[in-house]
């Protein structure tokens, strides 16, 4: 029996997608071989690569002004790839709103001046700084944000207006809500939360930013090289790209990002409403900045938190343990988490609260 998997990543995938992948593991489209066995230079895989690219463009409204890349190394590798490709002035601005935003800034500092222009560390990353009050550097090559903070459960509702290209790590909220890609110079996202198994990272980069990589930029990290080779410079993470294609098909059939955003806001609303009215559970994120993807909560007692996680797991509600930096619990309710899963979690929380007054 499948459980409701609230893991922050790798996360739950649509059951329909998993069943289709199961069929293709032995024979993909009549080729007589598995999708995991075929050459990335073959026509069948080229068709997968092309469809994944086209579907993502359609779902996010990505114009021809942008290149769409499928690369390896995870979002953490992009912490280095971004400055290696874009830090032409030797300077960049970073807004630090959580653990991964901080890691991105620390990596950027290896390649130039990575200035922290705003941070929410003072309140343990429970809010997003007022973007309208930030003084950005006039000579920064780009401004980097993490649009959704997986560990701390915050997200940007308003984007900063920046004098230089805006770069966003969207690993934990890509395709969960509508965004205007044209407001960004570059978007990147590890796929293992809303799109596919770990292995592929999506990079959406404005074409006028290509070809500006540093002389020391490794070939494999060059956006220009990846774009010129249609993400096929070397063997890409073929299976993850294939699953991405299936998930993009699934999302399109659902009604696209607009329909998914409505469902995500509904799911998050149900859970936050219960927590806000609970006498046991608490969420410490400022209401205006709450993530609709990652919902951390605590009881106020480490002993009760541990009991909750153990009993929830036994009840088929998996991976609810919070990150070690925060503790407590965290429900990651990505696109593939059905409404029924969130309702099942709420019912269990009600029961637990009654039994542990």
Protein backbone atom coordinates (compact mmCIF):
# COMPACT_ATOMS: atom_id res chain seq x y z
CA UNK A 1 0.00 0.00 0.00
CA UNK A 2 1.35 3.44 -0.93
CA UNK A 3 1.67 5.92 1.90
CA UNK A 4 1.23 9.68 1.79
CA UNK A 5 4.82 10.84 1.39
CA UNK A 6 5.44 14.31 2.82
CA UNK A 7 9.17 14.24 2.14
CA UNK A 8 10.87 17.52 1.20
CA UNK A 9 12.74 15.70 -1.55
CA UNK A 10 13.07 13.37 -3.24
CA UNK A 11 9.35 13.70 -3.00
CA UNK A 12 6.15 12.01 -4.06
CA UNK A 13 5.40 11.65 -7.78
CA UNK A 14 2.00 11.28 -9.49
CA UNK A 15 0.91 7.65 -9.38
CA UNK A 16 -0.16 7.82 -13.03
CA UNK A 17 3.37 8.83 -13.99
CA UNK A 18 4.93 6.00 -11.98
CA UNK A 19 2.66 3.44 -13.65
CA UNK A 20 3.54 4.71 -17.11
CA UNK A 21 7.24 4.64 -16.27
CA UNK A 22 6.84 1.10 -14.98
CA UNK A 23 5.57 0.01 -18.40
CA UNK A 24 8.43 1.75 -20.21
CA UNK A 25 11.12 0.20 -18.05
CA UNK A 26 11.06 -2.93 -20.21
CA UNK A 27 9.99 -1.60 -23.60
CA UNK A 28 9.87 2.10 -24.42
CA UNK A 29 7.57 2.95 -27.33
CA UNK A 30 8.13 -0.37 -29.05
CA UNK A 31 11.91 -0.01 -29.22
CA UNK A 32 12.42 -3.33 -27.44
CA UNK A 33 14.61 -1.68 -24.82
CA UNK A 34 14.17 0.21 -21.59
CA UNK A 35 14.12 3.99 -21.47
CA UNK A 36 17.11 3.56 -19.12
CA UNK A 37 19.11 1.62 -21.74
CA UNK A 38 18.88 3.70 -24.90
CA UNK A 39 21.50 6.07 -26.24
CA UNK A 40 21.01 9.74 -25.59
CA UNK A 41 21.94 10.20 -29.26
CA UNK A 42 19.06 8.00 -30.45
CA UNK A 43 15.97 9.38 -32.16
CA UNK A 44 13.60 8.02 -29.47
CA UNK A 45 15.46 9.87 -26.70
CA UNK A 46 15.85 13.01 -28.80
CA UNK A 47 12.06 13.01 -29.06
CA UNK A 48 11.81 12.80 -25.25
CA UNK A 49 14.29 15.65 -24.82
CA UNK A 50 12.45 17.80 -27.34
CA UNK A 51 9.02 17.16 -25.84
CA UNK A 52 10.21 17.88 -22.30
CA UNK A 53 11.67 21.19 -23.49
CA UNK A 54 8.54 22.15 -25.43
CA UNK A 55 6.14 21.22 -22.61
CA UNK A 56 8.09 23.18 -20.00
CA UNK A 57 8.10 26.19 -22.29
CA UNK A 58 4.34 25.89 -22.72
CA UNK A 59 3.62 25.40 -19.02
CA UNK A 60 5.75 28.34 -17.88
CA UNK A 61 5.26 30.62 -20.87
CA UNK A 62 8.97 30.63 -21.72
CA UNK A 63 9.75 32.69 -24.82
CA UNK A 64 12.41 32.08 -27.45
CA UNK A 65 14.51 34.70 -25.66
CA UNK A 66 15.43 31.97 -23.17
CA UNK A 67 17.34 28.71 -23.42
CA UNK A 68 16.00 25.73 -21.48
CA UNK A 69 18.69 23.35 -20.24
CA UNK A 70 18.56 19.95 -18.55
CA UNK A 71 21.80 19.53 -16.62
CA UNK A 72 23.30 17.44 -13.84
CA UNK A 73 24.73 18.24 -10.41
CA UNK A 74 21.63 19.44 -8.58
CA UNK A 75 20.78 22.99 -7.58
CA UNK A 76 23.82 22.99 -5.29
CA UNK A 77 26.08 22.81 -8.34
CA UNK A 78 24.29 25.85 -9.72
CA UNK A 79 25.48 27.79 -6.67
CA UNK A 80 28.87 27.73 -8.43
CA UNK A 81 27.67 27.68 -12.04
CA UNK A 82 25.77 30.96 -11.64
CA UNK A 83 28.76 33.11 -10.64
CA UNK A 84 31.05 31.29 -13.08
CA UNK A 85 28.69 32.20 -15.92
CA UNK A 86 27.25 35.53 -14.83
CA UNK A 87 29.55 37.35 -12.38
CA UNK A 88 31.13 39.55 -15.06
CA UNK A 89 31.75 42.52 -12.76
CA UNK A 90 33.17 40.36 -10.00
CA UNK A 91 30.22 41.35 -7.81
CA UNK A 92 26.72 40.05 -7.10
CA UNK A 93 23.96 40.70 -4.57
CA UNK A 94 22.36 37.94 -2.49
CA UNK A 95 19.23 37.94 -0.33
CA UNK A 96 19.66 35.27 2.33
CA UNK A 97 16.36 33.83 3.53
CA UNK A 98 17.34 30.33 4.57
CA UNK A 99 19.89 27.54 4.53
CA UNK A 100 20.17 27.08 0.77
CA UNK A 101 20.15 30.81 0.09
CA UNK A 102 23.05 31.05 2.51
CA UNK A 103 24.92 28.23 0.81
CA UNK A 104 24.44 29.91 -2.57
CA UNK A 105 25.94 33.12 -1.18
CA UNK A 106 28.88 31.29 0.39
CA UNK A 107 29.65 29.56 -2.90
CA UNK A 108 29.31 32.81 -4.82
CA UNK A 109 31.86 34.40 -2.48
CA UNK A 110 34.49 32.00 -3.82
CA UNK A 111 34.33 33.72 -7.20
CA UNK A 112 33.93 37.37 -6.31
CA UNK A 113 32.15 39.75 -3.96
CA UNK A 114 28.85 38.13 -2.96
CA UNK A 115 27.21 40.90 -0.98
CA UNK A 116 24.37 40.06 1.41
CA UNK A 117 21.97 42.96 0.79
CA UNK A 118 19.22 41.57 3.03
CA UNK A 119 18.70 38.64 5.37
CA UNK A 120 16.05 37.20 7.67
CA UNK A 121 18.54 35.35 9.86
CA UNK A 122 17.76 37.68 12.76
CA UNK A 123 14.40 35.93 13.26
CA UNK A 124 15.55 32.43 12.30
CA UNK A 125 14.38 32.88 8.70
CA UNK A 126 10.70 33.09 9.61
CA UNK A 127 10.00 35.94 7.18
CA UNK A 128 11.00 37.42 3.81
CA UNK A 129 12.68 40.86 3.99
CA UNK A 130 10.81 43.83 2.54
CA UNK A 131 12.14 43.74 -1.01
CA UNK A 132 11.11 47.34 -1.66
CA UNK A 133 13.43 48.56 1.10
CA UNK A 134 16.57 46.83 -0.16
CA UNK A 135 19.41 48.92 -1.54
CA UNK A 136 20.88 46.94 -4.42
CA UNK A 137 24.39 47.48 -5.75
CA UNK A 138 24.58 49.44 -8.99
CA UNK A 139 27.52 47.34 -10.20
CA UNK A 140 26.26 43.87 -9.27
CA UNK A 141 26.22 41.34 -12.11
CA UNK A 142 23.00 39.79 -10.77
CA UNK A 143 20.76 39.53 -7.72
CA UNK A 144 20.20 36.04 -6.32
CA UNK A 145 17.13 34.87 -4.39
CA UNK A 146 15.74 31.54 -3.25
CA UNK A 147 12.08 31.86 -4.14
CA UNK A 148 10.83 29.23 -1.70
CA UNK A 149 12.69 28.14 1.41
CA UNK A 150 12.20 24.41 1.86
CA UNK A 151 13.50 24.12 5.40
CA UNK A 152 11.95 27.22 6.96
CA UNK A 153 8.69 27.33 5.01
CA UNK A 154 8.77 30.83 3.51
CA UNK A 155 8.30 32.12 -0.03
CA UNK A 156 8.50 35.37 -1.96
CA UNK A 157 5.05 36.74 -2.68
CA UNK A 158 6.53 39.88 -4.23
CA UNK A 159 9.70 39.90 -6.33
CA UNK A 160 12.40 42.53 -5.87
CA UNK A 161 12.82 45.11 -8.62
CA UNK A 162 16.51 44.91 -9.37
CA UNK A 163 18.92 46.97 -11.51
CA UNK A 164 20.69 43.79 -12.62
CA UNK A 165 19.35 40.39 -13.77
CA UNK A 166 17.33 38.53 -11.17
CA UNK A 167 18.47 34.94 -10.56
CA UNK A 168 16.20 32.54 -8.66
CA UNK A 169 16.64 29.11 -7.16
CA UNK A 170 13.11 27.71 -7.61
CA UNK A 171 13.90 24.14 -6.61
CA UNK A 172 10.99 23.74 -4.20
CA UNK A 173 8.27 25.76 -5.90
CA UNK A 174 8.83 25.58 -9.66
CA UNK A 175 5.52 24.86 -11.47
CA UNK A 176 3.56 25.24 -8.23
CA UNK A 177 2.36 28.75 -9.03
CA UNK A 178 2.41 31.08 -12.01
CA UNK A 179 5.51 33.21 -12.50
CA UNK A 180 6.46 35.71 -15.17
CA UNK A 181 9.69 34.24 -16.53
CA UNK A 182 10.45 37.54 -18.27
CA UNK A 183 11.19 39.10 -14.88
CA UNK A 184 14.20 36.82 -14.45
CA UNK A 185 17.61 36.59 -16.04
CA UNK A 186 17.94 33.00 -14.90
CA UNK A 187 15.88 30.39 -13.07
CA UNK A 188 17.22 27.07 -11.87
CA UNK A 189 15.61 24.18 -10.03
CA UNK A 190 16.56 20.71 -8.89
CA UNK A 191 13.83 18.41 -10.17
CA UNK A 192 13.44 16.12 -7.16
CA UNK A 193 10.68 18.08 -5.45
CA UNK A 194 8.04 18.96 -8.06
CA UNK A 195 9.19 17.32 -11.27
CA UNK A 196 11.21 14.10 -11.29
CA UNK A 197 13.64 11.84 -9.41
CA UNK A 198 16.95 13.37 -8.38
CA UNK A 199 19.38 13.65 -11.27
CA UNK A 200 18.28 16.48 -13.51
CA UNK A 201 18.37 20.20 -12.82
CA UNK A 202 16.45 22.66 -14.98
CA UNK A 203 18.09 25.92 -16.00
CA UNK A 204 16.13 28.65 -17.79
CA UNK A 205 18.56 31.34 -18.90
CA UNK A 206 18.04 34.47 -20.98
CA UNK A 207 20.04 34.08 -24.16
CA UNK A 208 21.71 37.48 -23.94
CA UNK A 209 23.43 36.22 -20.77
CA UNK A 210 25.09 33.31 -22.58
CA UNK A 211 28.73 33.45 -23.59
CA UNK A 212 29.83 35.54 -20.60
CA UNK A 213 31.35 32.72 -18.56
CA UNK A 214 34.72 33.21 -16.90
CA UNK A 215 37.86 31.81 -18.47
CA UNK A 216 38.08 29.28 -15.65
CA UNK A 217 34.49 28.05 -15.97
CA UNK A 218 34.55 24.25 -16.45
CA UNK A 219 33.13 23.16 -19.79
CA UNK A 220 30.38 21.13 -18.12
CA UNK A 221 29.18 24.19 -16.18
CA UNK A 222 29.06 26.50 -19.18
CA UNK A 223 25.50 27.51 -20.04
CA UNK A 224 26.66 28.46 -23.51
CA UNK A 225 28.07 24.98 -24.16
CA UNK A 226 24.94 23.27 -22.82
CA UNK A 227 22.67 25.51 -24.90
CA UNK A 228 24.67 24.97 -28.10
CA UNK A 229 24.45 21.20 -27.58
CA UNK A 230 20.75 21.05 -26.66
CA UNK A 231 21.73 19.75 -23.18
CA UNK A 232 23.39 16.75 -24.90
CA UNK A 233 27.06 17.73 -24.65
CA UNK A 234 27.57 14.49 -22.73
CA UNK A 235 25.23 11.76 -21.52
CA UNK A 236 22.49 13.61 -19.60
CA UNK A 237 20.33 12.15 -16.78
CA UNK A 238 18.08 10.47 -19.34
CA UNK A 239 15.65 8.77 -16.97
CA UNK A 240 15.03 11.93 -14.96
CA UNK A 241 14.43 13.90 -18.16
CA UNK A 242 11.98 11.22 -19.30
CA UNK A 243 10.08 11.39 -15.98
CA UNK A 244 10.09 15.18 -16.28
CA UNK A 245 8.38 14.84 -19.65
CA UNK A 246 5.71 12.57 -18.16
CA UNK A 247 5.12 14.95 -15.24
CA UNK A 248 4.83 17.89 -17.65
CA UNK A 249 2.19 15.92 -19.61
CA UNK A 250 0.37 15.17 -16.35
CA UNK A 251 0.45 18.81 -15.29
CA UNK A 252 -0.80 19.99 -18.68
CA UNK A 253 -3.69 17.50 -18.52
CA UNK A 254 -4.51 18.76 -15.00
CA UNK A 255 -5.06 22.23 -16.41
CA UNK A 256 -1.57 23.67 -16.27
CA UNK A 257 0.15 25.78 -13.64
CA UNK A 258 -2.86 28.03 -13.02
CA UNK A 259 -5.05 25.09 -12.03
CA UNK A 260 -2.26 23.57 -9.96
CA UNK A 261 -1.70 26.85 -8.12
CA UNK A 262 -5.39 26.94 -7.15
CA UNK A 263 -5.18 23.42 -5.75
CA UNK A 264 -1.90 24.14 -3.95
CA UNK A 265 -3.35 27.23 -2.30
CA UNK A 266 -6.39 25.22 -1.26
CA UNK A 267 -4.27 22.43 0.25
CA UNK A 268 -2.03 24.85 2.11
CA UNK A 269 -5.05 26.84 3.28
CA UNK A 270 -6.62 23.76 4.84
CA UNK A 271 -3.46 22.88 6.73
CA UNK A 272 -2.62 26.39 7.92
CA UNK A 273 -6.21 26.97 9.00
CA UNK A 274 -6.11 23.87 11.20
CA UNK A 275 -2.71 24.79 12.68
CA UNK A 276 -3.79 28.38 13.40
CA UNK A 277 -6.83 27.15 15.30
CA UNK A 278 -5.03 24.35 17.11
CA UNK A 279 -4.10 24.57 20.79
CA UNK A 280 -1.22 22.11 20.29
CA UNK A 281 0.41 22.80 16.94
CA UNK A 282 2.16 26.03 15.94
CA UNK A 283 3.68 27.51 12.78
CA UNK A 284 6.07 30.42 13.38
CA UNK A 285 6.34 31.82 9.86
CA UNK A 286 4.90 35.29 9.24
CA UNK A 287 1.50 34.70 7.66
CA UNK A 288 2.15 36.87 4.59
CA UNK A 289 5.32 34.90 3.75
CA UNK A 290 4.10 31.35 4.28
CA UNK A 291 5.09 28.75 1.70
CA UNK A 292 2.36 26.77 -0.02
CA UNK A 293 4.84 23.93 -0.59
CA UNK A 294 6.55 23.36 2.78
CA UNK A 295 4.68 23.72 6.07
CA UNK A 296 6.78 23.39 9.26
CA UNK A 297 5.01 23.00 12.60
CA UNK A 298 5.81 22.07 16.19
CA UNK A 299 4.04 21.08 19.39
CA UNK A 300 6.47 22.91 21.65
CA UNK A 301 7.69 19.63 23.14
CA UNK A 302 10.49 17.57 21.57
CA UNK A 303 9.05 14.48 23.23
CA UNK A 304 5.59 15.09 21.74
CA UNK A 305 7.11 15.90 18.35
CA UNK A 306 8.93 12.55 18.33
CA UNK A 307 5.75 10.75 19.38
CA UNK A 308 3.77 12.50 16.63
CA UNK A 309 6.28 11.52 13.93
CA UNK A 310 6.36 7.89 15.09
CA UNK A 311 2.58 7.52 15.24
CA UNK A 312 2.05 9.39 11.97
CA UNK A 313 4.47 7.06 10.21
CA UNK A 314 2.55 4.06 11.53
CA UNK A 315 -0.63 5.66 10.20
CA UNK A 316 0.77 5.88 6.66
CA UNK A 317 1.84 9.53 6.84
CA UNK A 318 5.53 9.33 5.97
CA UNK A 319 8.55 11.65 6.13
CA UNK A 320 7.08 14.30 8.42
CA UNK A 321 10.21 14.85 10.51
CA UNK A 322 11.38 18.44 10.31
CA UNK A 323 14.87 19.47 9.24
CA UNK A 324 17.48 19.40 12.00
CA UNK A 325 17.89 23.18 11.75
CA UNK A 326 14.25 23.69 12.73
CA UNK A 327 13.13 20.50 14.44
CA UNK A 328 9.50 19.53 14.88
CA UNK A 329 7.59 18.48 11.80
CA UNK A 330 7.35 19.57 8.20
CA UNK A 331 4.71 18.65 5.64
CA UNK A 332 5.91 19.12 2.08
CA UNK A 333 2.77 19.31 -0.02
CA UNK A 334 4.15 19.53 -3.53
CA UNK A 335 2.10 19.31 -6.73
CA UNK A 336 1.78 15.52 -6.61
CA UNK A 337 0.45 15.45 -3.04
CA UNK A 338 -3.31 14.96 -3.43
CA UNK A 339 -5.86 16.93 -1.45
CA UNK A 340 -6.80 13.64 0.22
CA UNK A 341 -3.29 13.37 1.65
CA UNK A 342 -3.50 16.77 3.30
CA UNK A 343 -6.94 15.98 4.68
CA UNK A 344 -5.63 12.68 6.06
CA UNK A 345 -2.82 14.55 7.80
CA UNK A 346 -5.23 17.04 9.33
CA UNK A 347 -7.51 14.26 10.61
CA UNK A 348 -4.52 12.57 12.21
CA UNK A 349 -3.42 15.86 13.79
CA UNK A 350 -6.91 16.33 15.24
CA UNK A 351 -6.83 12.84 16.71
CA UNK A 352 -3.34 13.34 18.11
CA UNK A 353 -4.29 16.63 19.73
CA UNK A 354 -7.31 15.10 21.46
CA UNK A 355 -5.19 12.23 22.78
CA UNK A 356 -2.36 14.47 23.99
CA UNK A 357 -4.06 17.40 25.72
